[in-house]
């Protein structure tokens, strides 16, 4: 459900761009991020760290985009966010008992510690790849191509990555720990 909830603002940004242009889409994206924060607060009485980071980045860079009428600021948003994700995962692998990925998914998946560590570094690499790809598209293609890449390219790559990751971890999952499985 969270994945869908995080996808909605990207879709709204895309539609805003297609109907009204990049500056209206940017304003809509800022508004959507505040609505997401409010939703998390009212539903869970806490704010998701990644959603808060995204809101701050979109507000600052989107604000500069609107104030200075320069689209490059908003184009940098995914790169900065993906770099922060990558850095957080990397540092958690070095300085925490469990990686950030294991802390987020460890209740759902039971995997050996070495596999969690490997998955954590794979995610680090994936987010770095997305950050670099976003910059490449931002600087070498039109704004329209960048918006399409943001929706279809990044979302498509993420879905493929998740599928590949599922195939990879399937062989390490201990099916005896699945609730409701008959012995």
C-alpha atoms as a PDB file:
ATOM      1  CA  UNK A   1       0.000   0.000   0.000  1.00  0.00           C
ATOM      2  CA  UNK A   2       2.835   2.398   0.839  1.00  0.00           C
ATOM      3  CA  UNK A   3       4.372   1.860  -2.596  1.00  0.00           C
ATOM      4  CA  UNK A   4       1.089   2.898  -4.213  1.00  0.00           C
ATOM      5  CA  UNK A   5       0.776   5.856  -1.828  1.00  0.00           C
ATOM      6  CA  UNK A   6       4.290   7.003  -2.794  1.00  0.00           C
ATOM      7  CA  UNK A   7       3.483   6.567  -6.505  1.00  0.00           C
ATOM      8  CA  UNK A   8       0.408   8.841  -6.482  1.00  0.00           C
ATOM      9  CA  UNK A   9       2.346  12.159  -6.191  1.00  0.00           C
ATOM     10  CA  UNK A  10       4.543  11.138  -9.142  1.00  0.00           C
ATOM     11  CA  UNK A  11       1.432  10.452 -11.190  1.00  0.00           C
ATOM     12  CA  UNK A  12      -0.157  13.752 -10.126  1.00  0.00           C
ATOM     13  CA  UNK A  13       3.079  15.602 -10.998  1.00  0.00           C
ATOM     14  CA  UNK A  14       3.055  13.921 -14.416  1.00  0.00           C
ATOM     15  CA  UNK A  15      -0.570  14.877 -15.069  1.00  0.00           C
ATOM     16  CA  UNK A  16       0.041  18.419 -13.823  1.00  0.00           C
ATOM     17  CA  UNK A  17       2.935  18.738 -16.229  1.00  0.00           C
ATOM     18  CA  UNK A  18       0.986  17.351 -19.187  1.00  0.00           C
ATOM     19  CA  UNK A  19      -1.980  19.692 -18.645  1.00  0.00           C
ATOM     20  CA  UNK A  20      -0.429  22.833 -17.115  1.00  0.00           C
ATOM     21  CA  UNK A  21       3.365  22.759 -17.511  1.00  0.00           C
ATOM     22  CA  UNK A  22       6.343  22.258 -15.247  1.00  0.00           C
ATOM     23  CA  UNK A  23       5.768  25.183 -12.907  1.00  0.00           C
ATOM     24  CA  UNK A  24       2.185  24.263 -12.034  1.00  0.00           C
ATOM     25  CA  UNK A  25       3.268  20.613 -11.726  1.00  0.00           C
ATOM     26  CA  UNK A  26       6.004  21.696  -9.313  1.00  0.00           C
ATOM     27  CA  UNK A  27       3.526  23.637  -7.172  1.00  0.00           C
ATOM     28  CA  UNK A  28       1.199  20.613  -7.200  1.00  0.00           C
ATOM     29  CA  UNK A  29       4.090  18.352  -6.154  1.00  0.00           C
ATOM     30  CA  UNK A  30       4.859  20.600  -3.185  1.00  0.00           C
ATOM     31  CA  UNK A  31       1.195  20.570  -2.153  1.00  0.00           C
ATOM     32  CA  UNK A  32       1.006  16.769  -2.547  1.00  0.00           C
ATOM     33  CA  UNK A  33       4.016  16.252  -0.310  1.00  0.00           C
ATOM     34  CA  UNK A  34       2.384  18.289   2.474  1.00  0.00           C
ATOM     35  CA  UNK A  35      -0.836  16.308   2.031  1.00  0.00           C
ATOM     36  CA  UNK A  36       1.178  13.082   2.353  1.00  0.00           C
ATOM     37  CA  UNK A  37       2.773  14.323   5.570  1.00  0.00           C
ATOM     38  CA  UNK A  38      -0.617  15.301   6.981  1.00  0.00           C
ATOM     39  CA  UNK A  39      -2.051  11.918   6.017  1.00  0.00           C
ATOM     40  CA  UNK A  40       0.782  10.061   7.778  1.00  0.00           C
ATOM     41  CA  UNK A  41       0.390  12.231  10.849  1.00  0.00           C
ATOM     42  CA  UNK A  42      -3.366  11.768  11.149  1.00  0.00           C
ATOM     43  CA  UNK A  43      -3.284   8.049  10.377  1.00  0.00           C
ATOM     44  CA  UNK A  44      -0.211   6.951  12.387  1.00  0.00           C
ATOM     45  CA  UNK A  45       0.477   9.907  14.713  1.00  0.00           C
ATOM     46  CA  UNK A  46       4.027   9.970  13.407  1.00  0.00           C
ATOM     47  CA  UNK A  47       5.780  11.094  10.255  1.00  0.00           C
ATOM     48  CA  UNK A  48       7.605   8.654   7.983  1.00  0.00           C
ATOM     49  CA  UNK A  49      11.269   9.749   7.748  1.00  0.00           C
ATOM     50  CA  UNK A  50      11.528   9.186   3.988  1.00  0.00           C
ATOM     51  CA  UNK A  51       8.307  11.102   3.363  1.00  0.00           C
ATOM     52  CA  UNK A  52       9.567  13.976   5.518  1.00  0.00           C
ATOM     53  CA  UNK A  53      12.905  14.050   3.670  1.00  0.00           C
ATOM     54  CA  UNK A  54      11.107  14.031   0.329  1.00  0.00           C
ATOM     55  CA  UNK A  55       8.795  16.846   1.462  1.00  0.00           C
ATOM     56  CA  UNK A  56      11.699  19.016   2.578  1.00  0.00           C
ATOM     57  CA  UNK A  57      13.617  18.432  -0.650  1.00  0.00           C
ATOM     58  CA  UNK A  58      10.615  19.034  -2.908  1.00  0.00           C
ATOM     59  CA  UNK A  59       9.684  22.177  -0.978  1.00  0.00           C
ATOM     60  CA  UNK A  60      13.189  23.645  -1.143  1.00  0.00           C
ATOM     61  CA  UNK A  61      14.035  22.672  -4.724  1.00  0.00           C
ATOM     62  CA  UNK A  62      10.485  23.200  -5.958  1.00  0.00           C
ATOM     63  CA  UNK A  63      10.476  26.564  -4.250  1.00  0.00           C
ATOM     64  CA  UNK A  64      13.686  27.544  -6.040  1.00  0.00           C
ATOM     65  CA  UNK A  65      12.205  26.283  -9.317  1.00  0.00           C
ATOM     66  CA  UNK A  66       9.155  28.502  -8.869  1.00  0.00           C
ATOM     67  CA  UNK A  67      11.005  31.502  -7.449  1.00  0.00           C
ATOM     68  CA  UNK A  68      13.822  31.531  -9.999  1.00  0.00           C
ATOM     69  CA  UNK A  69      11.797  30.031 -12.863  1.00  0.00           C
ATOM     70  CA  UNK A  70      14.545  27.440 -13.404  1.00  0.00           C
ATOM     71  CA  UNK A  71      13.485  23.815 -13.991  1.00  0.00           C
ATOM     72  CA  UNK A  72      16.897  22.376 -13.117  1.00  0.00           C
ATOM     73  CA  UNK A  73      16.156  22.673  -9.408  1.00  0.00           C
ATOM     74  CA  UNK A  74      13.139  20.359  -9.592  1.00  0.00           C
ATOM     75  CA  UNK A  75      15.063  18.006 -11.888  1.00  0.00           C
ATOM     76  CA  UNK A  76      17.694  17.592  -9.161  1.00  0.00           C
ATOM     77  CA  UNK A  77      15.112  16.462  -6.575  1.00  0.00           C
ATOM     78  CA  UNK A  78      15.141  12.723  -7.443  1.00  0.00           C
ATOM     79  CA  UNK A  79      18.932  12.657  -7.582  1.00  0.00           C
ATOM     80  CA  UNK A  80      19.310  14.227  -4.147  1.00  0.00           C
ATOM     81  CA  UNK A  81      16.634  11.989  -2.646  1.00  0.00           C
ATOM     82  CA  UNK A  82      18.139   8.826  -4.157  1.00  0.00           C
ATOM     83  CA  UNK A  83      21.595   9.863  -2.982  1.00  0.00           C
ATOM     84  CA  UNK A  84      20.261  10.352   0.568  1.00  0.00           C
ATOM     85  CA  UNK A  85      18.605   6.922   0.452  1.00  0.00           C
ATOM     86  CA  UNK A  86      21.821   5.370  -0.824  1.00  0.00           C
ATOM     87  CA  UNK A  87      23.930   7.085   1.829  1.00  0.00           C
ATOM     88  CA  UNK A  88      21.527   6.093   4.635  1.00  0.00           C
ATOM     89  CA  UNK A  89      21.616   2.458   3.522  1.00  0.00           C
ATOM     90  CA  UNK A  90      25.388   2.482   3.143  1.00  0.00           C
ATOM     91  CA  UNK A  91      26.016   4.010   6.557  1.00  0.00           C
ATOM     92  CA  UNK A  92      23.556   1.643   8.221  1.00  0.00           C
ATOM     93  CA  UNK A  93      25.571  -1.240   6.799  1.00  0.00           C
ATOM     94  CA  UNK A  94      28.705   0.036   8.504  1.00  0.00           C
ATOM     95  CA  UNK A  95      27.512   1.548  11.765  1.00  0.00           C
ATOM     96  CA  UNK A  96      24.418  -0.374  12.833  1.00  0.00           C
ATOM     97  CA  UNK A  97      23.912  -3.876  14.110  1.00  0.00           C
ATOM     98  CA  UNK A  98      21.289  -4.418  11.407  1.00  0.00           C
ATOM     99  CA  UNK A  99      21.167  -2.651   8.073  1.00  0.00           C
ATOM    100  CA  UNK A 100      18.378  -0.180   7.443  1.00  0.00           C
ATOM    101  CA  UNK A 101      16.888  -2.584   4.918  1.00  0.00           C
ATOM    102  CA  UNK A 102      16.810  -5.386   7.481  1.00  0.00           C
ATOM    103  CA  UNK A 103      15.210  -3.104  10.078  1.00  0.00           C
ATOM    104  CA  UNK A 104      12.520  -2.123   7.560  1.00  0.00           C
ATOM    105  CA  UNK A 105      11.787  -5.619   6.215  1.00  0.00           C
ATOM    106  CA  UNK A 106      13.158  -7.970   8.870  1.00  0.00           C
ATOM    107  CA  UNK A 107       9.755  -8.528  10.472  1.00  0.00           C
ATOM    108  CA  UNK A 108       8.374  -9.704   7.127  1.00  0.00           C
ATOM    109  CA  UNK A 109      11.334 -11.642   5.741  1.00  0.00           C
ATOM    110  CA  UNK A 110      13.623 -14.004   7.596  1.00  0.00           C
ATOM    111  CA  UNK A 111      16.954 -14.095   5.777  1.00  0.00           C
ATOM    112  CA  UNK A 112      20.532 -14.890   6.800  1.00  0.00           C
ATOM    113  CA  UNK A 113      22.553 -11.876   7.974  1.00  0.00           C
ATOM    114  CA  UNK A 114      24.944 -12.124   5.017  1.00  0.00           C
ATOM    115  CA  UNK A 115      22.020 -11.932   2.579  1.00  0.00           C
ATOM    116  CA  UNK A 116      20.620  -8.862   4.351  1.00  0.00           C
ATOM    117  CA  UNK A 117      24.031  -7.217   4.070  1.00  0.00           C
ATOM    118  CA  UNK A 118      24.301  -8.093   0.382  1.00  0.00           C
ATOM    119  CA  UNK A 119      20.766  -6.830  -0.303  1.00  0.00           C
ATOM    120  CA  UNK A 120      21.542  -3.615   1.523  1.00  0.00           C
ATOM    121  CA  UNK A 121      24.541  -2.953  -0.744  1.00  0.00           C
ATOM    122  CA  UNK A 122      22.519  -3.905  -3.824  1.00  0.00           C
ATOM    123  CA  UNK A 123      19.972  -1.252  -2.832  1.00  0.00           C
ATOM    124  CA  UNK A 124      22.814   1.257  -2.318  1.00  0.00           C
ATOM    125  CA  UNK A 125      23.950   0.581  -5.877  1.00  0.00           C
ATOM    126  CA  UNK A 126      20.420   0.750  -7.250  1.00  0.00           C
ATOM    127  CA  UNK A 127      19.738   4.141  -5.696  1.00  0.00           C
ATOM    128  CA  UNK A 128      23.091   5.460  -6.930  1.00  0.00           C
ATOM    129  CA  UNK A 129      22.233   4.214 -10.426  1.00  0.00           C
ATOM    130  CA  UNK A 130      18.857   5.998 -10.305  1.00  0.00           C
ATOM    131  CA  UNK A 131      20.542   9.192  -9.084  1.00  0.00           C
ATOM    132  CA  UNK A 132      23.030   9.131 -11.958  1.00  0.00           C
ATOM    133  CA  UNK A 133      20.414   8.215 -14.560  1.00  0.00           C
ATOM    134  CA  UNK A 134      18.187  11.055 -13.387  1.00  0.00           C
ATOM    135  CA  UNK A 135      21.021  13.574 -13.773  1.00  0.00           C
ATOM    136  CA  UNK A 136      21.887  12.230 -17.192  1.00  0.00           C
ATOM    137  CA  UNK A 137      18.317  12.539 -18.432  1.00  0.00           C
ATOM    138  CA  UNK A 138      17.899  15.954 -16.774  1.00  0.00           C
ATOM    139  CA  UNK A 139      20.928  17.407 -18.557  1.00  0.00           C
ATOM    140  CA  UNK A 140      20.760  15.605 -21.896  1.00  0.00           C
ATOM    141  CA  UNK A 141      17.046  15.524 -22.698  1.00  0.00           C
ATOM    142  CA  UNK A 142      14.096  17.900 -22.747  1.00  0.00           C
ATOM    143  CA  UNK A 143      11.961  18.581 -19.696  1.00  0.00           C
ATOM    144  CA  UNK A 144       9.183  16.540 -21.293  1.00  0.00           C
ATOM    145  CA  UNK A 145      11.515  13.557 -21.709  1.00  0.00           C
ATOM    146  CA  UNK A 146      12.671  13.965 -18.098  1.00  0.00           C
ATOM    147  CA  UNK A 147       9.074  13.982 -16.796  1.00  0.00           C
ATOM    148  CA  UNK A 148       8.321  10.837 -18.816  1.00  0.00           C
ATOM    149  CA  UNK A 149      11.507   9.213 -17.515  1.00  0.00           C
ATOM    150  CA  UNK A 150      10.563  10.134 -13.953  1.00  0.00           C
ATOM    151  CA  UNK A 151       7.211   8.376 -14.271  1.00  0.00           C
ATOM    152  CA  UNK A 152       7.830   5.519 -16.685  1.00  0.00           C
ATOM    153  CA  UNK A 153      11.601   5.035 -16.531  1.00  0.00           C
ATOM    154  CA  UNK A 154      12.227   5.222 -12.802  1.00  0.00           C
ATOM    155  CA  UNK A 155       9.022   3.431 -11.856  1.00  0.00           C
ATOM    156  CA  UNK A 156       9.668   0.764 -14.501  1.00  0.00           C
ATOM    157  CA  UNK A 157      13.261   0.258 -13.376  1.00  0.00           C
ATOM    158  CA  UNK A 158      12.116   0.039  -9.762  1.00  0.00           C
ATOM    159  CA  UNK A 159       9.509  -2.596 -10.573  1.00  0.00           C
ATOM    160  CA  UNK A 160      12.084  -4.627 -12.545  1.00  0.00           C
ATOM    161  CA  UNK A 161      14.546  -4.271  -9.686  1.00  0.00           C
ATOM    162  CA  UNK A 162      11.972  -5.453  -7.150  1.00  0.00           C
ATOM    163  CA  UNK A 163      11.099  -8.426  -9.350  1.00  0.00           C
ATOM    164  CA  UNK A 164      14.763  -9.383  -9.727  1.00  0.00           C
ATOM    165  CA  UNK A 165      15.276  -8.979  -6.000  1.00  0.00           C
ATOM    166  CA  UNK A 166      12.288 -11.231  -5.314  1.00  0.00           C
ATOM    167  CA  UNK A 167      13.738 -13.925  -7.551  1.00  0.00           C
ATOM    168  CA  UNK A 168      17.123 -13.551  -5.824  1.00  0.00           C
ATOM    169  CA  UNK A 169      15.836 -13.797  -2.257  1.00  0.00           C
ATOM    170  CA  UNK A 170      13.305 -16.564  -2.956  1.00  0.00           C
ATOM    171  CA  UNK A 171      15.983 -19.224  -2.637  1.00  0.00           C
ATOM    172  CA  UNK A 172      16.962 -17.953   0.829  1.00  0.00           C
ATOM    173  CA  UNK A 173      13.480 -17.768   2.355  1.00  0.00           C
ATOM    174  CA  UNK A 174      12.775 -20.402   4.971  1.00  0.00           C
ATOM    175  CA  UNK A 175       9.212 -21.483   4.135  1.00  0.00           C
ATOM    176  CA  UNK A 176       8.822 -23.241   7.477  1.00  0.00           C
ATOM    177  CA  UNK A 177       8.526 -19.843   9.168  1.00  0.00           C
ATOM    178  CA  UNK A 178       5.513 -18.770   7.084  1.00  0.00           C
ATOM    179  CA  UNK A 179       2.419 -18.459   9.274  1.00  0.00           C
ATOM    180  CA  UNK A 180      -0.384 -20.887   8.510  1.00  0.00           C
ATOM    181  CA  UNK A 181       1.862 -23.403   6.721  1.00  0.00           C
ATOM    182  CA  UNK A 182       1.004 -26.969   7.582  1.00  0.00           C
ATOM    183  CA  UNK A 183       3.892 -29.194   8.638  1.00  0.00           C
END
